[in-house]
Amino acid sequence: MSALFLPGWGAPVALYEPALPGDWRGLEPPSFAASGGSLAAYRRWLGLELFRAGRSPLAGHSMGAALAILAAAESPELVERLVLVAPAGVPLQKPISASLFEFLGQCARGTYPRVIAARAFAAVARAPRAALALANEVRGLDLSRECARVRAAGIPALVVGCSSDTLVTGAHARELACALGAEYSELSLAGGHMWMLHAHDQLARVLSR
């Protein structure tokens, strides 16, 4: 049985693979073009992946973490435990334009490998309206009811925040942890929402807990 990891919005799974322990497998989500920018399409995709894999530990970053919560609420019998890194799932305050500006700055500084950054840009360029629609849907998510169902199902969960994250802030992450009845851990690392790109070993330790 492999544990399953879900990347964030627009991020290829290859971005996280250097940090995944050997018993973890990254899932490549549908493209913006294939999904039409609908979160429901990603939920259906993940439901099929979980059905094929059987009961598994499930982790995700940002949008991927929100999808993990949704999957656990819908099919608790298929989720052994959750590891949620900077999870979306409560309404976010940071404007999309500010996140885009930050992403461009990270690209200019070489934070992202060039090939992976080019893939991410190309995916958005092929379906910009779908990409924006999905970003807006994720930004406004309120998963309080789903968190209550996950908590009632008794699924163990760990929520990980980061002190430098200005998108999913520590307050956002703690709110979700409280709703889930989850353990909460906050890291003091640079890198903001994408801290794991600078700390592969730290993400590996989080997933191995």
N, C-alpha and C. Protein backbone atom coordinates (compact mmCIF):
# COMPACT_ATOMS: atom_id res chain seq x y z
N MET A 1 0.84 -1.20 0.00
CA MET A 1 0.00 0.00 0.00
C MET A 1 0.87 1.25 0.00
N SER A 2 0.62 2.16 -0.93
CA SER A 2 1.33 3.43 -0.98
C SER A 2 0.51 4.51 -0.31
N ALA A 3 1.19 5.41 0.37
CA ALA A 3 0.55 6.64 0.82
C ALA A 3 0.51 7.59 -0.36
N LEU A 4 -0.50 8.45 -0.41
CA LEU A 4 -0.75 9.29 -1.57
C LEU A 4 -0.59 10.77 -1.23
N PHE A 5 0.11 11.50 -2.11
CA PHE A 5 0.35 12.93 -1.90
C PHE A 5 -0.24 13.73 -3.05
N LEU A 6 -0.93 14.84 -2.70
CA LEU A 6 -1.60 15.70 -3.67
C LEU A 6 -0.94 17.08 -3.72
N PRO A 7 -0.48 17.52 -4.90
CA PRO A 7 0.16 18.83 -5.01
C PRO A 7 -0.84 19.98 -4.92
N GLY A 8 -0.30 21.18 -4.80
CA GLY A 8 -1.13 22.37 -4.74
C GLY A 8 -1.56 22.84 -6.12
N TRP A 9 -2.32 23.94 -6.13
CA TRP A 9 -2.87 24.52 -7.37
C TRP A 9 -1.75 24.76 -8.38
N GLY A 10 -1.88 24.18 -9.57
CA GLY A 10 -0.95 24.45 -10.65
C GLY A 10 0.43 23.86 -10.51
N ALA A 11 0.68 23.12 -9.44
CA ALA A 11 2.02 22.59 -9.20
C ALA A 11 2.13 21.16 -9.71
N PRO A 12 3.04 20.88 -10.62
CA PRO A 12 3.25 19.49 -11.03
C PRO A 12 3.75 18.66 -9.85
N VAL A 13 3.40 17.40 -9.83
CA VAL A 13 3.80 16.55 -8.72
C VAL A 13 5.32 16.42 -8.65
N ALA A 14 6.01 16.61 -9.79
CA ALA A 14 7.47 16.53 -9.81
C ALA A 14 8.11 17.54 -8.87
N LEU A 15 7.41 18.62 -8.58
CA LEU A 15 7.95 19.65 -7.69
C LEU A 15 8.17 19.11 -6.28
N TYR A 16 7.34 18.16 -5.88
CA TYR A 16 7.39 17.64 -4.51
C TYR A 16 8.12 16.30 -4.42
N GLU A 17 8.31 15.62 -5.53
CA GLU A 17 8.84 14.26 -5.49
C GLU A 17 10.18 14.12 -4.77
N PRO A 18 11.10 15.10 -4.85
CA PRO A 18 12.36 14.93 -4.11
C PRO A 18 12.17 14.84 -2.59
N ALA A 19 11.01 15.28 -2.10
CA ALA A 19 10.77 15.26 -0.65
C ALA A 19 9.91 14.10 -0.21
N LEU A 20 9.39 13.30 -1.14
CA LEU A 20 8.47 12.24 -0.76
C LEU A 20 9.24 11.01 -0.29
N PRO A 21 8.95 10.51 0.92
CA PRO A 21 9.58 9.26 1.36
C PRO A 21 9.23 8.11 0.42
N GLY A 22 9.98 7.04 0.51
CA GLY A 22 9.84 5.94 -0.43
C GLY A 22 8.48 5.28 -0.46
N ASP A 23 7.74 5.36 0.65
CA ASP A 23 6.42 4.73 0.69
C ASP A 23 5.30 5.69 0.30
N TRP A 24 5.68 6.87 -0.22
CA TRP A 24 4.68 7.85 -0.67
C TRP A 24 4.71 7.95 -2.19
N ARG A 25 3.53 8.11 -2.78
CA ARG A 25 3.40 8.27 -4.23
C ARG A 25 2.64 9.55 -4.53
N GLY A 26 3.23 10.40 -5.35
CA GLY A 26 2.56 11.64 -5.74
C GLY A 26 1.56 11.39 -6.85
N LEU A 27 0.40 12.02 -6.75
CA LEU A 27 -0.63 11.92 -7.78
C LEU A 27 -0.62 13.18 -8.64
N GLU A 28 -0.65 13.00 -9.95
CA GLU A 28 -0.68 14.14 -10.88
C GLU A 28 -2.13 14.49 -11.18
N PRO A 29 -2.61 15.63 -10.72
CA PRO A 29 -4.02 16.00 -10.96
C PRO A 29 -4.29 16.31 -12.42
N PRO A 30 -5.55 16.33 -12.81
CA PRO A 30 -5.91 16.75 -14.17
C PRO A 30 -5.46 18.19 -14.43
N SER A 31 -5.24 18.51 -15.69
CA SER A 31 -4.86 19.87 -16.06
C SER A 31 -6.05 20.81 -15.89
N PHE A 32 -5.76 22.11 -15.91
CA PHE A 32 -6.85 23.09 -15.87
C PHE A 32 -7.78 22.90 -17.06
N ALA A 33 -7.19 22.63 -18.24
CA ALA A 33 -8.00 22.45 -19.44
C ALA A 33 -8.91 21.24 -19.31
N ALA A 34 -8.38 20.13 -18.78
CA ALA A 34 -9.17 18.90 -18.66
C ALA A 34 -10.27 19.03 -17.62
N SER A 35 -10.01 19.79 -16.56
CA SER A 35 -10.99 19.92 -15.47
C SER A 35 -12.00 21.01 -15.72
N GLY A 36 -11.70 21.92 -16.66
CA GLY A 36 -12.56 23.07 -16.87
C GLY A 36 -12.53 24.05 -15.71
N GLY A 37 -11.55 23.91 -14.84
CA GLY A 37 -11.45 24.81 -13.68
C GLY A 37 -12.46 24.52 -12.60
N SER A 38 -13.01 23.32 -12.58
CA SER A 38 -14.04 22.95 -11.60
C SER A 38 -13.44 22.08 -10.50
N LEU A 39 -13.59 22.50 -9.26
CA LEU A 39 -13.10 21.68 -8.15
C LEU A 39 -13.81 20.33 -8.12
N ALA A 40 -15.07 20.30 -8.55
CA ALA A 40 -15.81 19.04 -8.57
C ALA A 40 -15.13 18.01 -9.46
N ALA A 41 -14.51 18.45 -10.55
CA ALA A 41 -13.79 17.52 -11.43
C ALA A 41 -12.60 16.89 -10.71
N TYR A 42 -11.91 17.69 -9.91
CA TYR A 42 -10.78 17.16 -9.15
C TYR A 42 -11.26 16.20 -8.05
N ARG A 43 -12.40 16.50 -7.48
CA ARG A 43 -12.96 15.61 -6.46
C ARG A 43 -13.31 14.25 -7.06
N ARG A 44 -13.90 14.26 -8.25
CA ARG A 44 -14.24 12.99 -8.91
C ARG A 44 -12.97 12.21 -9.26
N TRP A 45 -11.97 12.92 -9.76
CA TRP A 45 -10.70 12.28 -10.10
C TRP A 45 -10.08 11.62 -8.87
N LEU A 46 -10.04 12.34 -7.76
CA LEU A 46 -9.42 11.79 -6.55
C LEU A 46 -10.24 10.62 -6.01
N GLY A 47 -11.54 10.71 -6.10
CA GLY A 47 -12.37 9.60 -5.65
C GLY A 47 -12.03 8.31 -6.38
N LEU A 48 -11.81 8.39 -7.69
CA LEU A 48 -11.43 7.22 -8.47
C LEU A 48 -10.04 6.72 -8.09
N GLU A 49 -9.10 7.65 -7.87
CA GLU A 49 -7.75 7.25 -7.47
C GLU A 49 -7.77 6.52 -6.13
N LEU A 50 -8.55 7.00 -5.19
CA LEU A 50 -8.64 6.36 -3.87
C LEU A 50 -9.30 4.99 -3.98
N PHE A 51 -10.32 4.88 -4.80
CA PHE A 51 -11.00 3.60 -4.98
C PHE A 51 -10.03 2.56 -5.52
N ARG A 52 -9.18 2.97 -6.47
CA ARG A 52 -8.21 2.04 -7.04
C ARG A 52 -7.14 1.66 -6.01
N ALA A 53 -6.71 2.64 -5.21
CA ALA A 53 -5.60 2.41 -4.27
C ALA A 53 -6.04 1.64 -3.03
N GLY A 54 -7.29 1.77 -2.65
CA GLY A 54 -7.73 1.19 -1.38
C GLY A 54 -7.39 2.12 -0.23
N ARG A 55 -7.67 1.69 0.97
CA ARG A 55 -7.48 2.54 2.15
C ARG A 55 -6.02 2.95 2.27
N SER A 56 -5.78 4.27 2.32
CA SER A 56 -4.42 4.79 2.25
C SER A 56 -4.27 6.02 3.13
N PRO A 57 -3.05 6.27 3.63
CA PRO A 57 -2.75 7.60 4.16
C PRO A 57 -2.81 8.61 3.01
N LEU A 58 -3.30 9.81 3.30
CA LEU A 58 -3.50 10.82 2.27
C LEU A 58 -2.95 12.15 2.75
N ALA A 59 -2.12 12.77 1.93
CA ALA A 59 -1.53 14.07 2.29
C ALA A 59 -1.68 15.01 1.11
N GLY A 60 -1.57 16.30 1.41
CA GLY A 60 -1.63 17.27 0.34
C GLY A 60 -1.12 18.62 0.79
N HIS A 61 -0.79 19.43 -0.19
CA HIS A 61 -0.34 20.80 0.06
C HIS A 61 -1.35 21.77 -0.54
N SER A 62 -1.80 22.74 0.25
CA SER A 62 -2.65 23.82 -0.23
C SER A 62 -3.95 23.28 -0.82
N MET A 63 -4.19 23.46 -2.11
CA MET A 63 -5.40 22.90 -2.72
C MET A 63 -5.43 21.39 -2.58
N GLY A 64 -4.28 20.76 -2.68
CA GLY A 64 -4.22 19.31 -2.51
C GLY A 64 -4.67 18.87 -1.14
N ALA A 65 -4.36 19.67 -0.12
CA ALA A 65 -4.82 19.36 1.23
C ALA A 65 -6.33 19.52 1.35
N ALA A 66 -6.88 20.55 0.69
CA ALA A 66 -8.33 20.72 0.69
C ALA A 66 -9.01 19.53 0.02
N LEU A 67 -8.45 19.05 -1.08
CA LEU A 67 -9.00 17.87 -1.75
C LEU A 67 -8.93 16.65 -0.84
N ALA A 68 -7.86 16.54 -0.07
CA ALA A 68 -7.73 15.42 0.86
C ALA A 68 -8.84 15.46 1.92
N ILE A 69 -9.15 16.65 2.43
CA ILE A 69 -10.23 16.79 3.41
C ILE A 69 -11.56 16.39 2.78
N LEU A 70 -11.81 16.86 1.56
CA LEU A 70 -13.06 16.54 0.88
C LEU A 70 -13.18 15.03 0.66
N ALA A 71 -12.09 14.39 0.26
CA ALA A 71 -12.12 12.94 0.03
C ALA A 71 -12.37 12.19 1.33
N ALA A 72 -11.75 12.64 2.41
CA ALA A 72 -11.95 11.97 3.71
C ALA A 72 -13.38 12.13 4.20
N ALA A 73 -13.98 13.29 3.92
CA ALA A 73 -15.37 13.52 4.33
C ALA A 73 -16.33 12.66 3.51
N GLU A 74 -16.01 12.47 2.22
CA GLU A 74 -16.89 11.71 1.34
C GLU A 74 -16.72 10.20 1.49
N SER A 75 -15.48 9.76 1.70
CA SER A 75 -15.18 8.32 1.76
C SER A 75 -14.23 8.04 2.92
N PRO A 76 -14.68 8.22 4.15
CA PRO A 76 -13.77 8.05 5.29
C PRO A 76 -13.17 6.65 5.39
N GLU A 77 -13.87 5.66 4.86
CA GLU A 77 -13.36 4.29 4.92
C GLU A 77 -12.12 4.09 4.06
N LEU A 78 -11.83 5.03 3.15
CA LEU A 78 -10.69 4.91 2.26
C LEU A 78 -9.48 5.72 2.71
N VAL A 79 -9.61 6.47 3.80
CA VAL A 79 -8.52 7.35 4.26
C VAL A 79 -8.06 6.91 5.64
N GLU A 80 -6.83 6.46 5.70
CA GLU A 80 -6.27 5.96 6.97
C GLU A 80 -5.91 7.11 7.90
N ARG A 81 -5.25 8.13 7.34
CA ARG A 81 -4.88 9.33 8.11
C ARG A 81 -4.62 10.46 7.13
N LEU A 82 -4.58 11.68 7.65
CA LEU A 82 -4.37 12.87 6.84
C LEU A 82 -3.13 13.63 7.31
N VAL A 83 -2.36 14.12 6.36
CA VAL A 83 -1.28 15.07 6.63
C VAL A 83 -1.54 16.27 5.72
N LEU A 84 -1.84 17.41 6.31
CA LEU A 84 -2.31 18.58 5.56
C LEU A 84 -1.31 19.72 5.72
N VAL A 85 -0.63 20.05 4.65
CA VAL A 85 0.43 21.06 4.67
C VAL A 85 -0.12 22.36 4.09
N ALA A 86 -0.13 23.41 4.91
CA ALA A 86 -0.68 24.71 4.48
C ALA A 86 -2.01 24.53 3.77
N PRO A 87 -2.99 23.93 4.44
CA PRO A 87 -4.22 23.53 3.74
C PRO A 87 -5.14 24.70 3.42
N ALA A 88 -5.63 24.73 2.17
CA ALA A 88 -6.77 25.57 1.86
C ALA A 88 -7.99 24.93 2.51
N GLY A 89 -9.04 25.74 2.70
CA GLY A 89 -10.25 25.18 3.32
C GLY A 89 -10.98 26.16 4.19
N VAL A 90 -10.37 27.32 4.44
CA VAL A 90 -11.07 28.47 5.02
C VAL A 90 -10.83 29.63 4.07
N PRO A 91 -11.76 30.58 4.00
CA PRO A 91 -11.58 31.69 3.04
C PRO A 91 -10.25 32.42 3.25
N LEU A 92 -9.52 32.61 2.17
CA LEU A 92 -8.20 33.24 2.22
C LEU A 92 -8.32 34.72 1.88
N GLN A 93 -7.45 35.50 2.46
CA GLN A 93 -7.52 36.95 2.30
C GLN A 93 -6.54 37.51 1.28
N LYS A 94 -5.45 36.83 1.03
CA LYS A 94 -4.42 37.37 0.15
C LYS A 94 -4.94 37.44 -1.28
N PRO A 95 -4.87 38.59 -1.95
CA PRO A 95 -5.36 38.70 -3.33
C PRO A 95 -4.60 37.79 -4.28
N ILE A 96 -5.28 37.29 -5.29
CA ILE A 96 -4.63 36.44 -6.28
C ILE A 96 -3.50 37.19 -6.98
N SER A 97 -3.70 38.48 -7.22
CA SER A 97 -2.66 39.27 -7.88
C SER A 97 -1.37 39.29 -7.06
N ALA A 98 -1.50 39.35 -5.73
CA ALA A 98 -0.32 39.35 -4.88
C ALA A 98 0.39 38.00 -4.91
N SER A 99 -0.40 36.93 -4.95
CA SER A 99 0.20 35.59 -5.05
C SER A 99 0.92 35.42 -6.37
N LEU A 100 0.33 35.93 -7.46
CA LEU A 100 0.97 35.84 -8.76
C LEU A 100 2.27 36.62 -8.79
N PHE A 101 2.28 37.81 -8.22
CA PHE A 101 3.49 38.63 -8.17
C PHE A 101 4.59 37.90 -7.39
N GLU A 102 4.20 37.27 -6.29
CA GLU A 102 5.17 36.52 -5.48
C GLU A 102 5.72 35.33 -6.27
N PHE A 103 4.84 34.64 -7.00
CA PHE A 103 5.28 33.50 -7.81
C PHE A 103 6.28 33.92 -8.87
N LEU A 104 5.99 35.04 -9.54
CA LEU A 104 6.91 35.53 -10.57
C LEU A 104 8.27 35.88 -9.97
N GLY A 105 8.23 36.47 -8.78
CA GLY A 105 9.49 36.78 -8.10
C GLY A 105 10.27 35.53 -7.76
N GLN A 106 9.57 34.48 -7.30
CA GLN A 106 10.24 33.23 -6.99
C GLN A 106 10.87 32.61 -8.23
N CYS A 107 10.13 32.69 -9.34
CA CYS A 107 10.68 32.17 -10.60
C CYS A 107 11.94 32.92 -11.00
N ALA A 108 11.91 34.24 -10.85
CA ALA A 108 13.07 35.05 -11.21
C ALA A 108 14.28 34.72 -10.33
N ARG A 109 14.02 34.35 -9.07
CA ARG A 109 15.10 34.02 -8.14
C ARG A 109 15.55 32.57 -8.27
N GLY A 110 14.91 31.80 -9.14
CA GLY A 110 15.31 30.42 -9.34
C GLY A 110 14.78 29.45 -8.31
N THR A 111 13.71 29.85 -7.61
CA THR A 111 13.14 28.96 -6.60
C THR A 111 12.63 27.68 -7.23
N TYR A 112 12.04 27.79 -8.42
CA TYR A 112 11.48 26.64 -9.11
C TYR A 112 12.45 26.17 -10.19
N PRO A 113 12.65 24.86 -10.32
CA PRO A 113 13.43 24.37 -11.47
C PRO A 113 12.81 24.87 -12.78
N ARG A 114 13.62 25.26 -13.73
CA ARG A 114 13.12 25.91 -14.95
C ARG A 114 12.12 25.05 -15.70
N VAL A 115 12.40 23.76 -15.81
CA VAL A 115 11.51 22.88 -16.57
C VAL A 115 10.14 22.81 -15.91
N ILE A 116 10.12 22.72 -14.58
CA ILE A 116 8.86 22.62 -13.86
C ILE A 116 8.10 23.94 -13.93
N ALA A 117 8.81 25.07 -13.80
CA ALA A 117 8.16 26.37 -13.92
C ALA A 117 7.56 26.55 -15.31
N ALA A 118 8.27 26.10 -16.33
CA ALA A 118 7.76 26.22 -17.70
C ALA A 118 6.50 25.38 -17.87
N ARG A 119 6.46 24.20 -17.29
CA ARG A 119 5.27 23.35 -17.37
C ARG A 119 4.09 24.04 -16.70
N ALA A 120 4.33 24.65 -15.55
CA ALA A 120 3.25 25.32 -14.82
C ALA A 120 2.71 26.50 -15.62
N PHE A 121 3.61 27.31 -16.20
CA PHE A 121 3.17 28.44 -17.04
C PHE A 121 2.37 27.96 -18.24
N ALA A 122 2.84 26.88 -18.85
CA ALA A 122 2.16 26.37 -20.05
C ALA A 122 0.76 25.88 -19.72
N ALA A 123 0.59 25.24 -18.56
CA ALA A 123 -0.73 24.75 -18.16
C ALA A 123 -1.71 25.89 -17.97
N VAL A 124 -1.25 26.98 -17.38
CA VAL A 124 -2.11 28.16 -17.20
C VAL A 124 -2.41 28.81 -18.55
N ALA A 125 -1.39 28.90 -19.41
CA ALA A 125 -1.56 29.55 -20.71
C ALA A 125 -2.57 28.81 -21.58
N ARG A 126 -2.64 27.48 -21.44
CA ARG A 126 -3.58 26.71 -22.25
C ARG A 126 -5.03 26.91 -21.83
N ALA A 127 -5.25 27.25 -20.57
CA ALA A 127 -6.62 27.40 -20.08
C ALA A 127 -6.67 28.46 -18.98
N PRO A 128 -6.39 29.73 -19.31
CA PRO A 128 -6.29 30.77 -18.28
C PRO A 128 -7.60 31.00 -17.52
N ARG A 129 -8.74 30.93 -18.21
CA ARG A 129 -10.02 31.15 -17.52
C ARG A 129 -10.30 30.03 -16.53
N ALA A 130 -10.02 28.80 -16.93
CA ALA A 130 -10.22 27.68 -16.02
C ALA A 130 -9.29 27.78 -14.82
N ALA A 131 -8.03 28.16 -15.06
CA ALA A 131 -7.07 28.30 -13.96
C ALA A 131 -7.53 29.35 -12.96
N LEU A 132 -8.01 30.49 -13.46
CA LEU A 132 -8.47 31.56 -12.58
C LEU A 132 -9.74 31.15 -11.84
N ALA A 133 -10.65 30.48 -12.53
CA ALA A 133 -11.88 30.03 -11.88
C ALA A 133 -11.57 29.08 -10.73
N LEU A 134 -10.65 28.16 -10.96
CA LEU A 134 -10.28 27.22 -9.90
C LEU A 134 -9.61 27.94 -8.73
N ALA A 135 -8.71 28.87 -9.04
CA ALA A 135 -8.04 29.64 -7.98
C ALA A 135 -9.06 30.38 -7.12
N ASN A 136 -10.05 31.00 -7.75
CA ASN A 136 -11.07 31.72 -7.00
C ASN A 136 -11.92 30.78 -6.14
N GLU A 137 -12.23 29.59 -6.70
CA GLU A 137 -13.03 28.64 -5.93
C GLU A 137 -12.26 28.14 -4.71
N VAL A 138 -11.00 27.83 -4.89
CA VAL A 138 -10.18 27.36 -3.78
C VAL A 138 -10.00 28.46 -2.74
N ARG A 139 -9.80 29.68 -3.21
CA ARG A 139 -9.58 30.81 -2.30
C ARG A 139 -10.79 31.04 -1.39
N GLY A 140 -12.00 30.75 -1.88
CA GLY A 140 -13.20 31.00 -1.09
C GLY A 140 -13.72 29.79 -0.33
N LEU A 141 -13.01 28.68 -0.35
CA LEU A 141 -13.51 27.45 0.28
C LEU A 141 -13.76 27.62 1.77
N ASP A 142 -14.85 27.04 2.22
CA ASP A 142 -15.13 26.91 3.65
C ASP A 142 -15.49 25.45 3.89
N LEU A 143 -14.56 24.69 4.43
CA LEU A 143 -14.74 23.25 4.61
C LEU A 143 -15.10 22.89 6.05
N SER A 144 -15.76 23.80 6.76
CA SER A 144 -16.07 23.53 8.16
C SER A 144 -16.97 22.30 8.32
N ARG A 145 -17.96 22.15 7.44
CA ARG A 145 -18.85 20.98 7.54
C ARG A 145 -18.10 19.69 7.23
N GLU A 146 -17.25 19.73 6.19
CA GLU A 146 -16.47 18.55 5.85
C GLU A 146 -15.49 18.19 6.97
N CYS A 147 -14.90 19.20 7.59
CA CYS A 147 -13.99 18.94 8.72
C CYS A 147 -14.74 18.26 9.86
N ALA A 148 -15.96 18.69 10.12
CA ALA A 148 -16.76 18.07 11.18
C ALA A 148 -17.02 16.60 10.88
N ARG A 149 -17.26 16.27 9.61
CA ARG A 149 -17.49 14.87 9.24
C ARG A 149 -16.22 14.05 9.41
N VAL A 150 -15.08 14.62 9.02
CA VAL A 150 -13.81 13.91 9.18
C VAL A 150 -13.52 13.68 10.66
N ARG A 151 -13.78 14.69 11.47
CA ARG A 151 -13.56 14.55 12.91
C ARG A 151 -14.47 13.48 13.50
N ALA A 152 -15.73 13.47 13.08
CA ALA A 152 -16.68 12.48 13.59
C ALA A 152 -16.28 11.07 13.17
N ALA A 153 -15.62 10.94 12.02
CA ALA A 153 -15.19 9.62 11.54
C ALA A 153 -13.95 9.12 12.27
N GLY A 154 -13.32 9.99 13.07
CA GLY A 154 -12.16 9.58 13.86
C GLY A 154 -10.89 9.40 13.05
N ILE A 155 -10.78 10.10 11.92
CA ILE A 155 -9.58 9.97 11.10
C ILE A 155 -8.46 10.82 11.70
N PRO A 156 -7.32 10.22 12.06
CA PRO A 156 -6.21 11.02 12.61
C PRO A 156 -5.71 12.01 11.58
N ALA A 157 -5.38 13.20 12.04
CA ALA A 157 -4.93 14.24 11.10
C ALA A 157 -3.84 15.09 11.73
N LEU A 158 -2.90 15.49 10.91
CA LEU A 158 -1.85 16.43 11.28
C LEU A 158 -1.93 17.61 10.32
N VAL A 159 -2.01 18.82 10.86
CA VAL A 159 -2.00 20.05 10.06
C VAL A 159 -0.68 20.76 10.32
N VAL A 160 -0.02 21.15 9.22
CA VAL A 160 1.29 21.80 9.33
C VAL A 160 1.21 23.19 8.72
N GLY A 161 1.50 24.19 9.53
CA GLY A 161 1.58 25.56 9.05
C GLY A 161 3.02 26.03 9.04
N CYS A 162 3.23 27.24 8.54
CA CYS A 162 4.58 27.81 8.51
C CYS A 162 4.49 29.30 8.86
N SER A 163 5.37 29.75 9.71
CA SER A 163 5.31 31.12 10.21
C SER A 163 5.52 32.17 9.12
N SER A 164 6.17 31.81 8.01
CA SER A 164 6.41 32.79 6.95
C SER A 164 5.36 32.75 5.84
N ASP A 165 4.36 31.89 5.98
CA ASP A 165 3.32 31.73 4.94
C ASP A 165 2.32 32.89 5.04
N THR A 166 2.20 33.67 3.97
CA THR A 166 1.26 34.79 3.96
C THR A 166 -0.01 34.47 3.16
N LEU A 167 -0.11 33.27 2.60
CA LEU A 167 -1.33 32.85 1.91
C LEU A 167 -2.20 32.04 2.85
N VAL A 168 -1.76 30.85 3.19
CA VAL A 168 -2.42 30.08 4.26
C VAL A 168 -1.65 30.37 5.53
N THR A 169 -2.09 31.38 6.24
CA THR A 169 -1.36 31.84 7.42
C THR A 169 -1.46 30.83 8.56
N GLY A 170 -0.66 31.06 9.60
CA GLY A 170 -0.75 30.20 10.77
C GLY A 170 -2.15 30.20 11.36
N ALA A 171 -2.80 31.35 11.34
CA ALA A 171 -4.16 31.43 11.88
C ALA A 171 -5.13 30.58 11.06
N HIS A 172 -4.98 30.60 9.72
CA HIS A 172 -5.82 29.77 8.86
C HIS A 172 -5.60 28.29 9.16
N ALA A 173 -4.33 27.91 9.24
CA ALA A 173 -4.00 26.50 9.46
C ALA A 173 -4.49 26.03 10.82
N ARG A 174 -4.34 26.87 11.84
CA ARG A 174 -4.82 26.49 13.18
C ARG A 174 -6.34 26.35 13.21
N GLU A 175 -7.04 27.22 12.47
CA GLU A 175 -8.51 27.13 12.42
C GLU A 175 -8.95 25.79 11.84
N LEU A 176 -8.29 25.36 10.78
CA LEU A 176 -8.64 24.07 10.19
C LEU A 176 -8.28 22.92 11.13
N ALA A 177 -7.13 23.02 11.78
CA ALA A 177 -6.74 21.98 12.72
C ALA A 177 -7.76 21.84 13.84
N CYS A 178 -8.25 22.95 14.34
CA CYS A 178 -9.26 22.94 15.40
C CYS A 178 -10.55 22.28 14.89
N ALA A 179 -10.96 22.63 13.67
CA ALA A 179 -12.19 22.07 13.11
C ALA A 179 -12.08 20.56 12.91
N LEU A 180 -10.87 20.08 12.60
CA LEU A 180 -10.64 18.66 12.38
C LEU A 180 -10.36 17.89 13.66
N GLY A 181 -10.10 18.61 14.75
CA GLY A 181 -9.62 17.95 15.96
C GLY A 181 -8.24 17.35 15.74
N ALA A 182 -7.44 18.04 14.92
CA ALA A 182 -6.15 17.51 14.47
C ALA A 182 -5.00 18.03 15.33
N GLU A 183 -3.90 17.32 15.28
CA GLU A 183 -2.65 17.82 15.82
C GLU A 183 -2.18 18.97 14.94
N TYR A 184 -1.61 20.01 15.54
CA TYR A 184 -1.11 21.14 14.76
C TYR A 184 0.36 21.35 15.03
N SER A 185 1.12 21.59 13.97
CA SER A 185 2.54 21.88 14.08
C SER A 185 2.85 23.08 13.20
N GLU A 186 3.56 24.06 13.74
CA GLU A 186 3.93 25.24 12.94
C GLU A 186 5.44 25.32 12.83
N LEU A 187 5.93 25.39 11.60
CA LEU A 187 7.35 25.44 11.33
C LEU A 187 7.82 26.88 11.23
N SER A 188 9.01 27.13 11.67
CA SER A 188 9.64 28.44 11.54
C SER A 188 10.69 28.36 10.45
N LEU A 189 10.23 28.51 9.21
CA LEU A 189 11.10 28.37 8.05
C LEU A 189 10.86 29.52 7.09
N ALA A 190 11.88 29.84 6.30
CA ALA A 190 11.71 30.78 5.19
C ALA A 190 11.01 30.07 4.04
N GLY A 191 10.58 30.84 3.05
CA GLY A 191 9.99 30.24 1.86
C GLY A 191 8.50 30.41 1.75
N GLY A 192 7.85 30.88 2.82
CA GLY A 192 6.42 31.14 2.77
C GLY A 192 5.61 29.91 2.43
N HIS A 193 4.65 30.09 1.53
CA HIS A 193 3.72 29.01 1.18
C HIS A 193 4.43 27.83 0.52
N MET A 194 5.59 28.08 -0.07
CA MET A 194 6.34 27.02 -0.76
C MET A 194 7.60 26.66 0.01
N TRP A 195 7.55 26.68 1.32
CA TRP A 195 8.73 26.42 2.15
C TRP A 195 9.38 25.08 1.84
N MET A 196 8.57 24.10 1.41
CA MET A 196 9.11 22.75 1.20
C MET A 196 10.12 22.69 0.05
N LEU A 197 10.12 23.68 -0.84
CA LEU A 197 11.10 23.70 -1.92
C LEU A 197 12.51 23.97 -1.39
N HIS A 198 12.58 24.60 -0.21
CA HIS A 198 13.87 24.88 0.42
C HIS A 198 14.20 23.86 1.51
N ALA A 199 13.25 22.97 1.80
CA ALA A 199 13.41 22.08 2.95
C ALA A 199 12.79 20.72 2.66
N HIS A 200 13.33 20.04 1.66
CA HIS A 200 12.81 18.71 1.30
C HIS A 200 12.86 17.76 2.49
N ASP A 201 13.95 17.85 3.27
CA ASP A 201 14.08 16.93 4.39
C ASP A 201 13.01 17.17 5.44
N GLN A 202 12.60 18.43 5.61
CA GLN A 202 11.58 18.75 6.60
C GLN A 202 10.22 18.19 6.16
N LEU A 203 9.88 18.33 4.88
CA LEU A 203 8.62 17.76 4.40
C LEU A 203 8.64 16.24 4.54
N ALA A 204 9.77 15.63 4.22
CA ALA A 204 9.88 14.16 4.38
C ALA A 204 9.64 13.74 5.82
N ARG A 205 10.17 14.52 6.77
CA ARG A 205 9.95 14.19 8.19
C ARG A 205 8.49 14.34 8.57
N VAL A 206 7.85 15.39 8.05
CA VAL A 206 6.42 15.61 8.33
C VAL A 206 5.59 14.43 7.83
N LEU A 207 5.88 13.97 6.61
CA LEU A 207 5.10 12.88 6.04
C LEU A 207 5.37 11.55 6.72
N SER A 208 6.54 11.41 7.32
CA SER A 208 6.92 10.15 7.95
C SER A 208 6.47 10.04 9.40
N ARG A 209 5.89 11.11 9.95
CA ARG A 209 5.47 11.08 11.35
C ARG A 209 4.38 10.05 11.59
